[in-house]
Protein backbone atom coordinates (compact mmCIF):
# COMPACT_ATOMS: atom_id res chain seq x y z
CA MET A 1 214.24 188.92 23.09
CA LYS A 2 213.39 185.25 22.46
CA HIS A 3 209.97 184.71 20.82
CA ILE A 4 207.94 182.45 23.25
CA PHE A 5 204.32 182.49 22.02
CA GLU A 6 201.97 184.32 19.79
CA THR A 7 198.31 183.64 19.10
CA PRO A 8 197.23 182.93 15.56
CA HIS A 9 195.85 185.77 13.39
CA ASP A 10 192.62 183.90 12.52
CA GLY A 11 190.52 185.44 15.30
CA ASN A 12 190.64 187.20 18.65
CA TYR A 13 191.96 185.26 21.65
CA TYR A 14 191.64 186.09 25.36
CA PHE A 15 190.97 184.41 28.61
CA GLY A 16 189.12 186.10 31.46
CA TYR A 17 189.42 187.78 34.81
CA TYR A 18 192.57 188.60 36.87
CA ASP A 19 191.83 186.11 39.71
CA LYS A 20 191.81 182.97 37.48
CA SER A 21 194.85 181.28 35.87
CA PRO A 22 194.76 179.99 32.29
CA PHE A 23 197.76 177.70 32.82
CA SER A 24 197.44 173.93 33.44
CA LYS A 25 199.12 172.65 36.59
CA ASP A 26 201.89 170.95 34.64
CA GLY A 27 202.52 174.06 32.59
CA THR A 28 201.99 172.48 29.18
CA LYS A 29 198.73 174.13 28.20
CA ILE A 30 197.08 177.62 28.31
CA LEU A 31 193.31 178.06 28.16
CA ALA A 32 191.83 180.63 25.78
CA ILE A 33 188.58 181.90 24.37
CA LYS A 34 188.32 182.64 20.65
CA THR A 35 185.88 185.11 18.97
CA ASN A 36 185.43 186.51 15.48
CA PHE A 37 184.74 190.00 16.80
CA ILE A 38 185.93 192.35 19.55
CA ASP A 39 184.35 195.78 18.86
CA ARG A 40 180.99 195.50 20.68
CA ILE A 41 179.30 193.85 23.67
CA PRO A 42 178.46 190.17 23.01
CA ASP A 43 174.78 189.38 22.59
CA LYS A 44 172.59 186.41 22.61
CA ASN A 45 173.38 185.55 18.98
CA ASP A 46 177.14 185.30 19.57
CA ILE A 47 179.04 182.19 20.14
CA ALA A 48 182.74 181.92 21.38
CA GLU A 49 184.99 178.96 21.16
CA ILE A 50 186.57 177.41 24.20
CA GLY A 51 189.94 175.78 23.93
CA TYR A 52 193.69 175.75 24.68
CA PHE A 53 197.15 176.01 23.13
CA LYS A 54 199.91 173.44 23.75
CA LEU A 55 202.87 175.34 25.14
CA MET A 56 205.46 172.56 24.92
CA SER A 57 204.67 171.56 21.39
CA GLU A 58 205.88 172.85 17.97
CA GLU A 59 202.16 172.73 16.90
CA ARG A 60 200.68 175.87 18.37
CA SER A 61 197.17 175.66 16.83
CA PHE A 62 194.20 176.33 18.98
CA VAL A 63 192.67 173.01 20.29
CA ARG A 64 188.86 173.51 20.49
CA ILE A 65 187.14 172.10 23.50
CA GLY A 66 183.66 173.44 22.95
CA VAL A 67 181.64 176.66 22.51
CA THR A 68 179.69 179.05 24.77
CA LYS A 69 177.00 181.53 24.48
CA THR A 70 177.77 183.09 27.91
CA PHE A 71 180.87 185.31 27.70
CA ASN A 72 181.84 188.93 28.25
CA TRP A 73 185.07 190.84 27.66
CA GLN A 74 185.70 191.45 31.35
CA GLN A 75 185.51 188.01 32.70
CA GLY A 76 185.27 185.62 29.71
CA ALA A 77 183.08 182.49 30.45
CA MET A 78 184.54 181.92 33.93
CA LEU A 79 186.80 179.41 32.51
CA HIS A 80 188.76 177.27 35.01
CA TRP A 81 190.98 174.16 35.05
CA LEU A 82 189.20 171.56 37.26
CA GLY A 83 190.34 168.78 39.50
CA ASP A 84 194.01 167.90 38.65
CA ARG A 85 193.99 171.15 36.58
CA ASN A 86 195.39 169.26 33.57
CA SER A 87 192.62 167.24 31.92
CA LYS A 88 189.22 168.85 32.77
CA VAL A 89 187.86 172.39 32.51
CA ILE A 90 184.63 174.14 33.69
CA PHE A 91 182.95 177.12 32.15
CA ASN A 92 179.57 178.74 31.69
CA ASP A 93 177.00 178.37 28.91
CA LEU A 94 173.36 178.79 28.08
CA ARG A 95 171.42 175.52 27.66
CA ASP A 96 167.67 175.02 27.29
CA GLY A 97 166.96 178.56 28.44
CA ALA A 98 169.04 178.50 31.52
CA PHE A 99 172.47 179.73 32.58
CA VAL A 100 174.50 176.62 33.52
CA SER A 101 178.15 175.51 33.81
CA LEU A 102 179.83 172.62 31.92
CA ILE A 103 182.62 170.31 32.91
CA VAL A 104 184.48 169.00 29.86
CA ASP A 105 187.14 166.39 29.59
CA ILE A 106 189.64 167.88 27.07
CA LYS A 107 190.65 164.41 25.73
CA THR A 108 187.21 162.59 25.41
CA LYS A 109 185.08 165.77 25.14
CA GLU A 110 182.66 164.25 27.59
CA GLU A 111 180.32 166.81 29.20
CA VAL A 112 178.71 167.15 32.58
CA ILE A 113 176.04 169.86 32.95
CA LEU A 114 175.76 171.60 36.34
CA PRO A 115 172.54 173.50 37.19
CA MET A 116 173.92 177.02 37.63
CA ALA A 117 176.61 179.22 36.07
CA ILE A 118 179.68 179.57 38.30
CA TYR A 119 181.61 182.67 39.38
CA SER A 120 184.54 181.20 41.36
CA LEU A 121 185.92 177.72 42.09
CA SER A 122 187.43 176.38 45.33
CA SER A 123 191.11 175.46 45.22
CA ASP A 124 190.25 171.70 45.59
CA SER A 125 187.54 171.88 42.92
CA THR A 126 184.92 170.38 45.18
CA PHE A 127 182.56 173.32 45.05
CA ALA A 128 181.92 176.59 43.16
CA ILE A 129 180.26 179.88 44.09
CA CYS A 130 177.31 181.13 42.03
CA VAL A 131 175.48 184.46 41.65
CA ASP A 132 172.31 185.31 39.96
CA ASN A 133 173.33 186.04 36.36
CA GLU A 134 169.75 186.76 35.34
CA ARG A 135 169.86 189.63 37.77
CA LEU A 136 173.31 190.80 36.67
CA HIS A 137 172.01 191.02 33.12
CA TRP A 138 170.06 194.10 34.19
CA CYS A 139 172.65 195.60 36.55
CA ARG A 140 176.06 195.14 34.84
CA ARG A 141 175.84 194.60 31.13
CA GLY A 142 179.61 194.55 30.69
CA TYR A 143 180.09 191.88 33.27
CA SER A 144 177.05 189.78 32.48
CA TYR A 145 175.53 187.53 29.78
CA ASP A 146 172.79 188.05 27.26
CA GLY A 147 170.34 185.31 26.30
CA ILE A 148 167.91 185.55 29.19
CA SER A 149 166.05 188.84 29.84
CA ASN A 150 163.88 188.02 32.84
CA GLU A 151 161.81 191.10 33.40
CA SER A 152 160.94 189.99 36.95
CA LYS A 153 164.53 190.67 37.93
CA ASN A 154 164.61 194.13 36.39
CA LYS A 155 163.85 196.07 39.60
CA PRO A 156 165.73 197.90 42.35
CA VAL A 157 165.80 194.85 44.58
CA VAL A 158 165.20 191.21 43.71
CA PRO A 159 164.30 189.44 47.02
CA THR A 160 165.39 186.03 45.70
CA GLU A 161 168.90 187.20 44.76
CA SER A 162 171.43 185.15 46.66
CA ILE A 163 174.98 183.79 46.54
CA TYR A 164 175.04 179.97 46.38
CA ARG A 165 177.43 177.15 46.97
CA LEU A 166 177.36 174.50 44.16
CA ASP A 167 178.65 171.05 45.00
CA ILE A 168 180.57 169.91 41.93
CA GLU A 169 179.99 166.12 42.43
CA THR A 170 176.45 166.04 43.67
CA LYS A 171 175.29 169.25 41.86
CA GLU A 172 173.49 170.36 44.99
CA LEU A 173 172.90 174.14 45.48
CA LYS A 174 172.90 175.75 48.97
CA GLU A 175 172.21 179.37 49.66
CA ILE A 176 175.09 181.17 51.39
CA ILE A 177 173.62 184.60 51.76
CA ASN A 178 170.64 186.51 50.51
CA ILE A 179 170.41 190.18 49.38
CA LYS A 180 167.93 191.02 52.17
CA THR A 181 170.48 189.98 54.77
CA ILE A 182 172.97 192.38 53.23
CA LEU A 183 170.48 195.36 52.89
CA ASP A 184 169.66 194.94 56.71
CA PHE A 185 173.38 194.90 57.71
CA LYS A 186 174.43 198.37 58.86
CA PRO A 187 172.24 200.14 56.24
CA ILE A 188 172.93 203.77 55.28
CA SER A 189 170.49 206.32 53.93
CA ASN A 190 171.74 206.47 50.29
CA MET A 191 170.82 202.80 49.85
CA LEU A 192 167.09 203.78 49.76
CA GLY A 193 165.91 203.68 46.26
CA GLY A 194 169.19 202.21 44.87
CA VAL A 195 169.46 199.28 42.49
CA HIS A 196 171.17 196.57 44.48
CA TYR A 197 173.06 193.50 43.48
CA LEU A 198 175.82 191.10 44.55
CA GLU A 199 178.92 190.19 42.54
CA HIS A 200 182.72 189.63 42.47
CA THR A 201 182.87 186.61 44.73
CA MET A 202 186.34 185.30 45.62
CA ILE A 203 187.07 182.25 47.86
CA SER A 204 189.82 182.42 50.59
CA PRO A 205 192.95 180.25 50.12
CA SER A 206 191.69 177.70 52.69
CA ASP A 207 188.15 177.54 51.01
CA LYS A 208 186.61 178.53 54.28
CA ARG A 209 185.55 182.08 53.61
CA LEU A 210 184.10 184.07 50.84
CA ALA A 211 184.68 187.71 49.84
CA PHE A 212 182.08 189.56 47.66
CA LEU A 213 180.85 193.01 46.72
CA HIS A 214 177.46 194.55 47.50
CA ARG A 215 176.84 197.28 44.95
CA TRP A 216 174.02 199.73 44.36
CA LYS A 217 173.33 202.25 41.68
CA LEU A 218 172.19 205.63 42.85
CA LYS A 219 169.45 207.60 41.13
CA ASP A 220 172.07 210.22 39.91
CA GLY A 221 174.01 207.48 38.04
CA GLY A 222 176.63 206.93 40.71
CA THR A 223 177.52 203.58 42.17
CA ASN A 224 178.39 202.65 45.85
CA THR A 225 180.23 199.52 46.92
CA ARG A 226 180.71 197.59 50.12
CA LEU A 227 183.19 194.70 50.62
CA PHE A 228 182.02 191.77 52.76
CA THR A 229 183.36 188.42 53.82
CA VAL A 230 181.40 185.41 55.20
CA ASN A 231 181.95 181.77 56.08
CA ILE A 232 181.11 179.37 53.28
CA ASP A 233 178.12 178.24 55.27
CA GLY A 234 176.75 181.73 55.54
CA THR A 235 177.83 182.48 59.15
CA ASP A 236 180.04 185.24 60.58
CA LEU A 237 179.19 188.04 58.02
CA ARG A 238 181.75 190.88 58.26
CA LEU A 239 181.78 194.31 56.61
CA LEU A 240 185.34 195.13 55.64
CA ASN A 241 185.07 198.37 53.68
CA ASP A 242 181.96 200.62 53.45
CA SER A 243 183.65 203.77 52.14
CA GLY A 244 181.58 203.49 48.94
CA ARG A 245 184.50 202.54 46.58
CA MET A 246 186.01 199.11 46.37
CA SER A 247 187.21 197.07 43.36
CA HIS A 248 189.77 194.52 42.15
CA PHE A 249 190.69 192.80 45.43
CA CYS A 250 192.55 189.52 46.14
CA TRP A 251 193.09 187.27 49.18
CA LYS A 252 196.79 187.63 50.22
CA ASP A 253 196.30 184.94 52.92
CA GLU A 254 193.51 183.69 55.16
CA GLU A 255 193.62 186.88 57.19
CA THR A 256 194.38 189.51 54.65
CA ILE A 257 192.69 191.02 51.62
CA PHE A 258 194.22 193.72 49.49
CA GLY A 259 192.60 195.76 46.67
CA TRP A 260 191.80 199.06 45.24
CA GLY A 261 189.25 201.20 47.18
CA GLY A 262 188.46 204.15 49.33
CA ILE A 263 189.40 204.54 52.96
CA PRO A 264 187.16 206.05 55.69
CA ASN A 265 187.38 209.88 55.68
CA SER A 266 185.09 212.82 56.05
CA ILE A 267 184.25 213.09 52.35
CA ASN A 268 183.34 209.32 52.06
CA SER A 269 181.28 209.70 55.20
CA LEU A 270 179.29 212.57 53.67
CA ARG A 271 178.62 210.43 50.58
CA LYS A 272 176.69 207.89 52.67
CA SER A 273 173.95 210.52 53.40
CA SER A 274 171.50 210.95 50.52
CA LYS A 275 170.55 214.45 51.85
CA VAL A 276 174.22 215.57 51.72
CA VAL A 277 174.64 214.13 48.25
CA ASN A 278 171.54 215.82 46.89
CA LEU A 279 172.02 219.23 48.64
CA ILE A 280 175.75 219.66 48.44
CA ILE A 281 177.69 217.10 46.42
CA LYS A 282 175.48 217.03 43.29
CA PRO A 283 175.25 220.78 42.87
CA LEU A 284 179.09 220.96 43.08
CA LEU A 285 179.71 218.20 40.60
CA PRO A 286 179.67 220.44 37.49
CA ILE A 287 182.39 222.68 39.02
CA TYR A 288 184.45 219.64 39.90
CA LYS A 289 184.16 218.18 36.40
CA ARG A 290 185.37 221.45 34.85
CA ILE A 291 188.40 221.39 37.23
CA VAL A 292 189.27 217.80 36.32
CA LYS A 293 188.51 218.07 32.62
CA GLY A 294 190.87 215.84 30.65
CA ASN A 295 191.42 213.56 33.60
CA ALA A 296 190.36 210.51 31.58
CA ASP A 297 192.81 211.18 28.85
CA SER A 298 195.94 212.11 30.89
CA GLY A 299 195.32 210.11 34.02
CA VAL A 300 196.25 213.18 36.19
CA SER A 301 193.68 215.81 37.22
CA ILE A 302 194.45 219.40 37.72
CA ILE A 303 193.71 218.99 41.44
CA SER A 304 195.87 215.93 41.99
CA SER A 305 198.80 217.47 40.01
CA LEU A 306 198.84 220.46 42.33
CA VAL A 307 199.34 218.41 45.58
């Protein structure tokens, strides 16, 4: 097999989440993040380098663009190509005690600071979607940033938590939808007392709609998930999947989303009731775990291997 590309051995290189591409539009460069460690969760004292490799050049050294204090192993620093997707990038950072996003010209190194960290970027690079990263710090440590530990957002529900639209040119922020609207939309009993948050935003191919997850942690340590879509202006909210399990989804086209998740059935319906969970499901969990012992290692449980 012909050798195409290999990262240097002077550090650890990676990029970010599955829904973003590290390749420039002209195919000559690939974005990367460089760290000097890989064996623990990044904290407020850690810094990662942002840069790229030239794919069409004999010189394969890492070209540094800048640094960031806001990165995690799951999603990187939300690094994107911007505009023509050849000359500018956007990524998140911590500046002056706030989570922000930076636009950097890879040739001049000129920076533009935007007032909020981004989550996803429109296909035409005119706007970005933002979530409350100060809130996610308390809810999903593996998918969040350190550096700001705002205790006022360490509670079951933060009434100010919203998803926002950030205009890239004007830097204007507009609220798309608030957590209270989501909690009031077809609520179920096991939502009571849960720790609720919004994440995993993904813009449709036409840039007209937004998909996102509403998640809540249960008192027993479990997590429930609902998949929603909404117009970018906050209208026409739709609940697509409320089975309790949904993850890793993508827009196939403007009318179709595919992903991994649960489907409506009698068991998933029972899980929506906190009384059923407490009186039936929780007492049976120890038996279930004994039956599926070793599942995490082999990938096949005793139950699933018998059917």
